[in-house]
PDB file of N, CA and C in Angstrom:
ATOM      1  N   MET A   1     146.059-121.021 -74.766  1.00  0.00           N
ATOM      2  CA  MET A   1     145.955-122.321 -74.270  1.00  0.00           C
ATOM      3  C   MET A   1     147.089-123.111 -74.792  1.00  0.00           C
ATOM      4  N   ILE A   2     147.465-122.977 -76.011  1.00  0.00           N
ATOM      5  CA  ILE A   2     148.723-123.757 -76.432  1.00  0.00           C
ATOM      6  C   ILE A   2     149.855-123.361 -75.781  1.00  0.00           C
ATOM      7  N   THR A   3     150.067-121.939 -75.515  1.00  0.00           N
ATOM      8  CA  THR A   3     151.193-121.394 -74.886  1.00  0.00           C
ATOM      9  C   THR A   3     151.400-121.947 -73.557  1.00  0.00           C
ATOM     10  N   GLY A   4     150.327-122.092 -72.965  1.00  0.00           N
ATOM     11  CA  GLY A   4     150.348-122.682 -71.404  1.00  0.00           C
ATOM     12  C   GLY A   4     150.827-124.115 -71.597  1.00  0.00           C
ATOM     13  N   TYR A   5     150.345-124.943 -72.697  1.00  0.00           N
ATOM     14  CA  TYR A   5     150.945-126.313 -72.604  1.00  0.00           C
ATOM     15  C   TYR A   5     152.359-126.371 -73.022  1.00  0.00           C
ATOM     16  N   PHE A   6     152.673-125.528 -73.942  1.00  0.00           N
ATOM     17  CA  PHE A   6     154.199-125.284 -74.322  1.00  0.00           C
ATOM     18  C   PHE A   6     155.044-125.057 -72.907  1.00  0.00           C
ATOM     19  N   ARG A   7     154.685-124.193 -72.027  1.00  0.00           N
ATOM     20  CA  ARG A   7     155.257-123.881 -70.893  1.00  0.00           C
ATOM     21  C   ARG A   7     155.195-125.066 -69.866  1.00  0.00           C
ATOM     22  N   SER A   8     154.050-125.829 -69.920  1.00  0.00           N
ATOM     23  CA  SER A   8     154.049-127.061 -68.974  1.00  0.00           C
ATOM     24  C   SER A   8     155.072-128.015 -69.478  1.00  0.00           C
ATOM     25  N   LEU A   9     155.228-128.240 -70.851  1.00  0.00           N
ATOM     26  CA  LEU A   9     156.166-129.145 -71.204  1.00  0.00           C
ATOM     27  C   LEU A   9     157.649-128.658 -70.938  1.00  0.00           C
ATOM     28  N   LYS A  10     158.010-127.436 -71.042  1.00  0.00           N
ATOM     29  CA  LYS A  10     159.123-126.820 -70.767  1.00  0.00           C
ATOM     30  C   LYS A  10     159.577-126.920 -69.347  1.00  0.00           C
ATOM     31  N   THR A  11     158.469-126.623 -68.572  1.00  0.00           N
ATOM     32  CA  THR A  11     158.689-126.839 -67.001  1.00  0.00           C
ATOM     33  C   THR A  11     158.948-128.336 -66.699  1.00  0.00           C
ATOM     34  N   LEU A  12     158.345-129.127 -67.388  1.00  0.00           N
ATOM     35  CA  LEU A  12     158.569-130.620 -67.046  1.00  0.00           C
ATOM     36  C   LEU A  12     160.074-131.090 -67.347  1.00  0.00           C
ATOM     37  N   PHE A  13     160.604-130.520 -68.639  1.00  0.00           N
ATOM     38  CA  PHE A  13     161.957-130.801 -68.901  1.00  0.00           C
ATOM     39  C   PHE A  13     162.768-130.200 -67.848  1.00  0.00           C
ATOM     40  N   GLN A  14     162.637-128.794 -67.547  1.00  0.00           N
ATOM     41  CA  GLN A  14     163.403-128.298 -66.671  1.00  0.00           C
ATOM     42  C   GLN A  14     163.732-128.995 -65.186  1.00  0.00           C
ATOM     43  N   ASN A  15     162.533-129.449 -64.778  1.00  0.00           N
ATOM     44  CA  ASN A  15     162.455-130.203 -63.455  1.00  0.00           C
ATOM     45  C   ASN A  15     163.079-131.413 -63.632  1.00  0.00           C
ATOM     46  N   MET A  16     162.814-132.182 -64.780  1.00  0.00           N
ATOM     47  CA  MET A  16     163.389-133.508 -64.862  1.00  0.00           C
ATOM     48  C   MET A  16     164.862-133.507 -65.188  1.00  0.00           C
ATOM     49  N   LEU A  17     165.412-132.450 -65.848  1.00  0.00           N
ATOM     50  CA  LEU A  17     166.767-132.627 -66.236  1.00  0.00           C
ATOM     51  C   LEU A  17     167.413-131.294 -65.530  1.00  0.00           C
ATOM     52  N   ASP A  18     167.248-131.031 -64.443  1.00  0.00           N
ATOM     53  CA  ASP A  18     167.823-129.764 -63.706  1.00  0.00           C
ATOM     54  C   ASP A  18     169.359-129.761 -63.691  1.00  0.00           C
ATOM     55  N   ALA A  19     169.950-131.051 -63.590  1.00  0.00           N
ATOM     56  CA  ALA A  19     171.418-131.043 -63.617  1.00  0.00           C
ATOM     57  C   ALA A  19     171.992-130.693 -64.852  1.00  0.00           C
ATOM     58  N   TYR A  20     171.315-130.619 -66.024  1.00  0.00           N
ATOM     59  CA  TYR A  20     171.798-130.566 -67.350  1.00  0.00           C
ATOM     60  C   TYR A  20     171.212-129.356 -67.963  1.00  0.00           C
ATOM     61  N   TYR A  21     170.101-128.785 -67.431  1.00  0.00           N
ATOM     62  CA  TYR A  21     169.458-127.749 -68.068  1.00  0.00           C
ATOM     63  C   TYR A  21     170.226-126.315 -67.890  1.00  0.00           C
ATOM     64  N   ASP A  22     170.271-125.578 -68.953  1.00  0.00           N
ATOM     65  CA  ASP A  22     170.932-124.282 -69.186  1.00  0.00           C
ATOM     66  C   ASP A  22     169.959-123.173 -68.943  1.00  0.00           C
ATOM     67  N   ASP A  23     169.888-122.641 -67.833  1.00  0.00           N
ATOM     68  CA  ASP A  23     168.854-121.682 -67.377  1.00  0.00           C
ATOM     69  C   ASP A  23     169.234-120.269 -67.490  1.00  0.00           C
ATOM     70  N   ARG A  24     170.257-119.940 -68.214  1.00  0.00           N
ATOM     71  CA  ARG A  24     170.803-118.563 -68.136  1.00  0.00           C
ATOM     72  C   ARG A  24     169.823-117.589 -68.874  1.00  0.00           C
ATOM     73  N   ASP A  25     169.116-118.010 -69.676  1.00  0.00           N
ATOM     74  CA  ASP A  25     168.165-117.117 -70.428  1.00  0.00           C
ATOM     75  C   ASP A  25     166.679-117.416 -70.090  1.00  0.00           C
ATOM     76  N   ASP A  26     166.568-118.041 -68.637  1.00  0.00           N
ATOM     77  CA  ASP A  26     165.312-118.520 -68.319  1.00  0.00           C
ATOM     78  C   ASP A  26     164.167-117.482 -68.385  1.00  0.00           C
ATOM     79  N   GLU A  27     164.184-116.266 -67.979  1.00  0.00           N
ATOM     80  CA  GLU A  27     163.251-115.266 -67.815  1.00  0.00           C
ATOM     81  C   GLU A  27     162.718-115.007 -69.165  1.00  0.00           C
ATOM     82  N   ARG A  28     163.803-114.789 -70.195  1.00  0.00           N
ATOM     83  CA  ARG A  28     163.388-114.387 -71.526  1.00  0.00           C
ATOM     84  C   ARG A  28     162.783-115.659 -72.351  1.00  0.00           C
ATOM     85  N   SER A  29     163.333-116.760 -72.043  1.00  0.00           N
ATOM     86  CA  SER A  29     162.958-118.020 -72.912  1.00  0.00           C
ATOM     87  C   SER A  29     161.506-118.649 -72.397  1.00  0.00           C
ATOM     88  N   LEU A  30     161.015-118.173 -71.190  1.00  0.00           N
ATOM     89  CA  LEU A  30     159.726-118.734 -70.597  1.00  0.00           C
ATOM     90  C   LEU A  30     158.732-118.729 -71.838  1.00  0.00           C
ATOM     91  N   ALA A  31     158.622-117.696 -72.538  1.00  0.00           N
ATOM     92  CA  ALA A  31     157.518-117.649 -73.635  1.00  0.00           C
ATOM     93  C   ALA A  31     157.984-118.535 -74.836  1.00  0.00           C
ATOM     94  N   LYS A  32     159.162-119.155 -74.807  1.00  0.00           N
ATOM     95  CA  LYS A  32     159.571-119.978 -76.147  1.00  0.00           C
ATOM     96  C   LYS A  32     159.364-121.392 -75.703  1.00  0.00           C
ATOM     97  N   ALA A  33     159.084-122.186 -76.669  1.00  0.00           N
ATOM     98  CA  ALA A  33     158.913-123.757 -76.508  1.00  0.00           C
ATOM     99  C   ALA A  33     160.217-124.385 -76.352  1.00  0.00           C
ATOM    100  N   GLY A  34     161.165-123.915 -77.062  1.00  0.00           N
ATOM    101  CA  GLY A  34     162.587-124.576 -77.113  1.00  0.00           C
ATOM    102  C   GLY A  34     163.245-124.817 -75.746  1.00  0.00           C
ATOM    103  N   ILE A  35     163.961-125.869 -75.663  1.00  0.00           N
ATOM    104  CA  ILE A  35     164.675-126.093 -74.416  1.00  0.00           C
ATOM    105  C   ILE A  35     166.136-126.362 -74.921  1.00  0.00           C
ATOM    106  N   THR A  36     167.182-125.598 -74.188  1.00  0.00           N
ATOM    107  CA  THR A  36     168.372-125.810 -74.457  1.00  0.00           C
ATOM    108  C   THR A  36     169.117-126.565 -73.246  1.00  0.00           C
ATOM    109  N   LEU A  37     169.998-127.666 -73.607  1.00  0.00           N
ATOM    110  CA  LEU A  37     170.512-128.335 -72.594  1.00  0.00           C
ATOM    111  C   LEU A  37     172.037-128.084 -72.622  1.00  0.00           C
ATOM    112  N   ALA A  38     172.601-127.732 -71.597  1.00  0.00           N
ATOM    113  CA  ALA A  38     173.976-127.446 -71.614  1.00  0.00           C
ATOM    114  C   ALA A  38     174.978-128.831 -71.711  1.00  0.00           C
ATOM    115  N   GLU A  39     175.991-128.820 -72.446  1.00  0.00           N
ATOM    116  CA  GLU A  39     176.692-129.909 -72.676  1.00  0.00           C
ATOM    117  C   GLU A  39     177.457-130.253 -71.120  1.00  0.00           C
ATOM    118  N   ASP A  40     177.489-131.400 -70.872  1.00  0.00           N
ATOM    119  CA  ASP A  40     178.282-131.880 -69.614  1.00  0.00           C
ATOM    120  C   ASP A  40     179.535-132.451 -70.209  1.00  0.00           C
ATOM    121  N   PRO A  41     180.920-131.498 -69.978  1.00  0.00           N
ATOM    122  CA  PRO A  41     182.062-131.995 -70.491  1.00  0.00           C
ATOM    123  C   PRO A  41     182.511-133.395 -69.995  1.00  0.00           C
ATOM    124  N   GLN A  42     181.987-133.648 -68.784  1.00  0.00           N
ATOM    125  CA  GLN A  42     182.615-134.999 -68.121  1.00  0.00           C
ATOM    126  C   GLN A  42     181.819-136.199 -68.767  1.00  0.00           C
ATOM    127  N   ALA A  43     180.665-135.875 -69.478  1.00  0.00           N
ATOM    128  CA  ALA A  43     179.893-136.984 -69.981  1.00  0.00           C
ATOM    129  C   ALA A  43     180.134-137.382 -71.459  1.00  0.00           C
ATOM    130  N   VAL A  44     179.231-136.859 -72.338  1.00  0.00           N
ATOM    131  CA  VAL A  44     179.377-137.263 -73.950  1.00  0.00           C
ATOM    132  C   VAL A  44     179.216-135.947 -74.454  1.00  0.00           C
ATOM    133  N   SER A  45     179.828-135.842 -75.710  1.00  0.00           N
ATOM    134  CA  SER A  45     179.810-134.671 -76.704  1.00  0.00           C
ATOM    135  C   SER A  45     178.349-134.355 -77.100  1.00  0.00           C
ATOM    136  N   VAL A  46     178.008-133.154 -77.500  1.00  0.00           N
ATOM    137  CA  VAL A  46     176.705-132.878 -78.022  1.00  0.00           C
ATOM    138  C   VAL A  46     176.379-133.546 -79.148  1.00  0.00           C
ATOM    139  N   SER A  47     177.319-133.655 -80.087  1.00  0.00           N
ATOM    140  CA  SER A  47     177.004-134.361 -81.256  1.00  0.00           C
ATOM    141  C   SER A  47     176.761-135.731 -81.221  1.00  0.00           C
ATOM    142  N   SER A  48     177.600-136.433 -80.310  1.00  0.00           N
ATOM    143  CA  SER A  48     177.498-137.825 -79.927  1.00  0.00           C
ATOM    144  C   SER A  48     176.063-138.262 -79.393  1.00  0.00           C
ATOM    145  N   LEU A  49     175.727-137.237 -78.409  1.00  0.00           N
ATOM    146  CA  LEU A  49     174.352-137.382 -77.851  1.00  0.00           C
ATOM    147  C   LEU A  49     173.173-137.200 -78.720  1.00  0.00           C
ATOM    148  N   SER A  50     173.435-136.064 -79.612  1.00  0.00           N
ATOM    149  CA  SER A  50     172.215-135.887 -80.698  1.00  0.00           C
ATOM    150  C   SER A  50     172.109-137.133 -81.612  1.00  0.00           C
ATOM    151  N   VAL A  51     173.219-137.693 -82.110  1.00  0.00           N
ATOM    152  CA  VAL A  51     173.201-138.918 -82.978  1.00  0.00           C
ATOM    153  C   VAL A  51     172.478-140.109 -82.272  1.00  0.00           C
ATOM    154  N   ALA A  52     173.057-140.393 -81.082  1.00  0.00           N
ATOM    155  CA  ALA A  52     172.341-141.382 -80.350  1.00  0.00           C
ATOM    156  C   ALA A  52     170.943-141.305 -80.121  1.00  0.00           C
ATOM    157  N   LEU A  53     170.480-140.114 -79.708  1.00  0.00           N
ATOM    158  CA  LEU A  53     168.891-139.888 -79.313  1.00  0.00           C
ATOM    159  C   LEU A  53     168.194-140.169 -80.778  1.00  0.00           C
ATOM    160  N   TYR A  54     168.753-139.783 -81.904  1.00  0.00           N
ATOM    161  CA  TYR A  54     168.163-139.813 -83.126  1.00  0.00           C
ATOM    162  C   TYR A  54     168.215-141.368 -83.607  1.00  0.00           C
ATOM    163  N   GLN A  55     169.297-141.839 -83.677  1.00  0.00           N
ATOM    164  CA  GLN A  55     169.460-143.094 -84.213  1.00  0.00           C
ATOM    165  C   GLN A  55     169.012-144.211 -83.327  1.00  0.00           C
ATOM    166  N   LYS A  56     169.097-144.201 -82.056  1.00  0.00           N
ATOM    167  CA  LYS A  56     168.797-145.247 -81.003  1.00  0.00           C
ATOM    168  C   LYS A  56     167.408-145.127 -80.507  1.00  0.00           C
ATOM    169  N   ASP A  57     166.925-143.874 -80.219  1.00  0.00           N
ATOM    170  CA  ASP A  57     165.582-143.623 -79.781  1.00  0.00           C
ATOM    171  C   ASP A  57     164.674-142.985 -80.383  1.00  0.00           C
ATOM    172  N   HIS A  58     165.030-142.532 -81.758  1.00  0.00           N
ATOM    173  CA  HIS A  58     164.006-141.769 -82.715  1.00  0.00           C
ATOM    174  C   HIS A  58     163.602-140.545 -81.863  1.00  0.00           C
ATOM    175  N   ILE A  59     164.594-139.781 -81.253  1.00  0.00           N
ATOM    176  CA  ILE A  59     164.209-138.549 -80.678  1.00  0.00           C
ATOM    177  C   ILE A  59     165.025-137.644 -81.467  1.00  0.00           C
ATOM    178  N   GLY A  60     164.370-136.472 -82.130  1.00  0.00           N
ATOM    179  CA  GLY A  60     165.083-135.498 -82.949  1.00  0.00           C
ATOM    180  C   GLY A  60     165.509-134.223 -82.065  1.00  0.00           C
ATOM    181  N   CYS A  61     166.721-133.882 -82.244  1.00  0.00           N
ATOM    182  CA  CYS A  61     167.014-132.705 -81.689  1.00  0.00           C
ATOM    183  C   CYS A  61     167.973-131.933 -82.451  1.00  0.00           C
ATOM    184  N   ALA A  62     168.381-130.572 -82.144  1.00  0.00           N
ATOM    185  CA  ALA A  62     169.242-129.844 -82.915  1.00  0.00           C
ATOM    186  C   ALA A  62     170.472-129.634 -82.035  1.00  0.00           C
ATOM    187  N   THR A  63     171.640-129.511 -82.710  1.00  0.00           N
ATOM    188  CA  THR A  63     172.872-129.413 -81.961  1.00  0.00           C
ATOM    189  C   THR A  63     173.123-127.768 -81.837  1.00  0.00           C
ATOM    190  N   ARG A  64     173.878-127.540 -80.855  1.00  0.00           N
ATOM    191  CA  ARG A  64     173.925-125.984 -80.847  1.00  0.00           C
ATOM    192  C   ARG A  64     175.524-125.713 -80.550  1.00  0.00           C
ATOM    193  N   GLY A  65     176.121-125.076 -81.438  1.00  0.00           N
ATOM    194  CA  GLY A  65     177.552-124.913 -81.460  1.00  0.00           C
ATOM    195  C   GLY A  65     178.071-123.694 -80.621  1.00  0.00           C
ATOM    196  N   GLY A  66     179.304-123.428 -80.746  1.00  0.00           N
ATOM    197  CA  GLY A  66     179.896-122.165 -80.035  1.00  0.00           C
ATOM    198  C   GLY A  66     180.453-122.622 -78.722  1.00  0.00           C
ATOM    199  N   GLN A  67     181.476-121.940 -78.387  1.00  0.00           N
ATOM    200  CA  GLN A  67     182.226-122.202 -77.229  1.00  0.00           C
ATOM    201  C   GLN A  67     181.510-121.662 -75.952  1.00  0.00           C
ATOM    202  N   ASP A  68     180.777-120.730 -76.229  1.00  0.00           N
ATOM    203  CA  ASP A  68     179.997-120.021 -74.939  1.00  0.00           C
ATOM    204  C   ASP A  68     178.949-120.930 -74.497  1.00  0.00           C
ATOM    205  N   ARG A  69     178.213-121.639 -75.266  1.00  0.00           N
ATOM    206  CA  ARG A  69     177.053-122.543 -74.731  1.00  0.00           C
ATOM    207  C   ARG A  69     176.785-123.571 -75.644  1.00  0.00           C
ATOM    208  N   PRO A  70     177.664-124.619 -75.800  1.00  0.00           N
ATOM    209  CA  PRO A  70     177.260-125.782 -76.670  1.00  0.00           C
ATOM    210  C   PRO A  70     176.197-126.492 -75.877  1.00  0.00           C
ATOM    211  N   GLY A  71     175.459-127.275 -76.778  1.00  0.00           N
ATOM    212  CA  GLY A  71     174.377-127.798 -76.252  1.00  0.00           C
ATOM    213  C   GLY A  71     173.348-128.585 -77.174  1.00  0.00           C
ATOM    214  N   ILE A  72     172.435-129.066 -76.846  1.00  0.00           N
ATOM    215  CA  ILE A  72     171.360-129.759 -77.606  1.00  0.00           C
ATOM    216  C   ILE A  72     170.103-129.018 -77.493  1.00  0.00           C
ATOM    217  N   ARG A  73     169.246-128.740 -78.477  1.00  0.00           N
ATOM    218  CA  ARG A  73     168.071-127.972 -78.306  1.00  0.00           C
ATOM    219  C   ARG A  73     166.951-129.035 -78.736  1.00  0.00           C
ATOM    220  N   LEU A  74     165.969-129.121 -77.684  1.00  0.00           N
ATOM    221  CA  LEU A  74     164.678-129.846 -77.864  1.00  0.00           C
ATOM    222  C   LEU A  74     163.659-128.952 -77.799  1.00  0.00           C
ATOM    223  N   SER A  75     162.736-129.118 -78.831  1.00  0.00           N
ATOM    224  CA  SER A  75     161.556-128.257 -79.058  1.00  0.00           C
ATOM    225  C   SER A  75     160.355-129.003 -78.964  1.00  0.00           C
ATOM    226  N   PRO A  76     159.785-129.274 -77.913  1.00  0.00           N
ATOM    227  CA  PRO A  76     158.434-129.723 -77.879  1.00  0.00           C
ATOM    228  C   PRO A  76     157.354-128.978 -78.595  1.00  0.00           C
ATOM    229  N   HIS A  77     156.305-129.533 -79.024  1.00  0.00           N
ATOM    230  CA  HIS A  77     155.269-128.896 -79.628  1.00  0.00           C
ATOM    231  C   HIS A  77     153.970-129.333 -79.148  1.00  0.00           C
ATOM    232  N   PHE A  78     152.944-128.943 -79.534  1.00  0.00           N
ATOM    233  CA  PHE A  78     151.435-129.237 -79.184  1.00  0.00           C
ATOM    234  C   PHE A  78     151.251-130.644 -79.239  1.00  0.00           C
ATOM    235  N   TYR A  79     151.752-131.476 -80.260  1.00  0.00           N
ATOM    236  CA  TYR A  79     151.484-132.907 -80.471  1.00  0.00           C
ATOM    237  C   TYR A  79     152.332-133.666 -79.628  1.00  0.00           C
ATOM    238  N   ASN A  80     153.365-133.141 -78.841  1.00  0.00           N
ATOM    239  CA  ASN A  80     154.115-133.936 -77.774  1.00  0.00           C
ATOM    240  C   ASN A  80     153.398-134.069 -76.567  1.00  0.00           C
ATOM    241  N   THR A  81     153.582-135.280 -75.852  1.00  0.00           N
ATOM    242  CA  THR A  81     152.894-135.687 -74.652  1.00  0.00           C
ATOM    243  C   THR A  81     153.876-135.643 -73.445  1.00  0.00           C
ATOM    244  N   HIS A  82     153.387-135.848 -72.327  1.00  0.00           N
ATOM    245  CA  HIS A  82     154.186-135.855 -71.048  1.00  0.00           C
ATOM    246  C   HIS A  82     154.978-137.169 -71.199  1.00  0.00           C
ATOM    247  N   ALA A  83     154.346-138.287 -71.763  1.00  0.00           N
ATOM    248  CA  ALA A  83     155.020-139.582 -71.848  1.00  0.00           C
ATOM    249  C   ALA A  83     156.385-139.276 -72.988  1.00  0.00           C
ATOM    250  N   ASP A  84     156.192-138.453 -73.922  1.00  0.00           N
ATOM    251  CA  ASP A  84     157.274-138.150 -74.946  1.00  0.00           C
ATOM    252  C   ASP A  84     158.561-137.485 -74.083  1.00  0.00           C
ATOM    253  N   ILE A  85     158.061-136.554 -73.151  1.00  0.00           N
ATOM    254  CA  ILE A  85     159.139-135.929 -72.396  1.00  0.00           C
ATOM    255  C   ILE A  85     159.718-136.900 -71.420  1.00  0.00           C
ATOM    256  N   ASP A  86     158.903-137.720 -70.751  1.00  0.00           N
ATOM    257  CA  ASP A  86     159.564-138.943 -69.918  1.00  0.00           C
ATOM    258  C   ASP A  86     160.447-139.701 -70.665  1.00  0.00           C
ATOM    259  N   ARG A  87     160.139-140.224 -71.899  1.00  0.00           N
ATOM    260  CA  ARG A  87     161.074-140.842 -72.634  1.00  0.00           C
ATOM    261  C   ARG A  87     162.344-140.249 -73.106  1.00  0.00           C
ATOM    262  N   THR A  88     162.216-139.056 -73.404  1.00  0.00           N
ATOM    263  CA  THR A  88     163.405-138.204 -73.864  1.00  0.00           C
ATOM    264  C   THR A  88     164.299-138.121 -72.564  1.00  0.00           C
ATOM    265  N   VAL A  89     163.796-137.608 -71.490  1.00  0.00           N
ATOM    266  CA  VAL A  89     164.440-137.388 -70.359  1.00  0.00           C
ATOM    267  C   VAL A  89     165.351-138.545 -69.744  1.00  0.00           C
ATOM    268  N   ALA A  90     164.546-139.708 -69.982  1.00  0.00           N
ATOM    269  CA  ALA A  90     165.217-141.139 -69.567  1.00  0.00           C
ATOM    270  C   ALA A  90     166.337-141.398 -70.577  1.00  0.00           C
ATOM    271  N   ALA A  91     166.197-141.168 -71.746  1.00  0.00           N
ATOM    272  CA  ALA A  91     167.227-141.352 -72.779  1.00  0.00           C
ATOM    273  C   ALA A  91     168.476-140.566 -72.589  1.00  0.00           C
ATOM    274  N   ILE A  92     168.068-139.160 -72.308  1.00  0.00           N
ATOM    275  CA  ILE A  92     169.394-138.333 -72.042  1.00  0.00           C
ATOM    276  C   ILE A  92     170.137-138.582 -70.735  1.00  0.00           C
ATOM    277  N   LYS A  93     169.314-138.936 -69.773  1.00  0.00           N
ATOM    278  CA  LYS A  93     169.955-139.214 -68.505  1.00  0.00           C
ATOM    279  C   LYS A  93     170.692-140.490 -68.708  1.00  0.00           C
ATOM    280  N   LYS A  94     170.267-141.444 -69.404  1.00  0.00           N
ATOM    281  CA  LYS A  94     170.969-142.721 -69.506  1.00  0.00           C
ATOM    282  C   LYS A  94     172.292-142.305 -70.167  1.00  0.00           C
ATOM    283  N   TYR A  95     172.296-141.602 -71.392  1.00  0.00           N
ATOM    284  CA  TYR A  95     173.530-141.373 -72.171  1.00  0.00           C
ATOM    285  C   TYR A  95     174.449-140.625 -71.374  1.00  0.00           C
ATOM    286  N   MET A  96     173.880-139.600 -70.544  1.00  0.00           N
ATOM    287  CA  MET A  96     174.854-138.851 -69.631  1.00  0.00           C
ATOM    288  C   MET A  96     175.576-139.641 -68.661  1.00  0.00           C
ATOM    289  N   ALA A  97     174.966-140.614 -68.062  1.00  0.00           N
ATOM    290  CA  ALA A  97     175.495-141.475 -67.042  1.00  0.00           C
ATOM    291  C   ALA A  97     176.314-142.515 -67.607  1.00  0.00           C
ATOM    292  N   THR A  98     176.115-143.198 -68.777  1.00  0.00           N
ATOM    293  CA  THR A  98     176.680-144.416 -69.275  1.00  0.00           C
ATOM    294  C   THR A  98     177.661-144.056 -70.417  1.00  0.00           C
ATOM    295  N   GLY A  99     177.576-142.821 -71.138  1.00  0.00           N
ATOM    296  CA  GLY A  99     177.990-142.731 -72.361  1.00  0.00           C
ATOM    297  C   GLY A  99     177.276-143.184 -73.486  1.00  0.00           C
ATOM    298  N   VAL A 100     177.679-142.925 -74.607  1.00  0.00           N
ATOM    299  CA  VAL A 100     176.914-143.284 -75.882  1.00  0.00           C
ATOM    300  C   VAL A 100     177.502-144.463 -76.525  1.00  0.00           C
TER     301      VAL A 100
END
């Protein structure tokens, strides 16, 4: 039951952030709750996005380094709601469109 809920949150993230979602490991990662969003080099840096999400929107995430797949990692859990996902997606889209 909890695994199904994790998958529903992950699917919601994927559908709402399709333009930024990095799905290269999608088949393997379906069983995981973590979400990795790829950096958009035309928009904002991963570290700037992470800081803005935390300081301005109180949304915690982890940054992911490396040149092959930099990005942020959001890991919804059983206490998160679809409203939390909606709020997170709105904040990410705002910063990707307007900058930090």
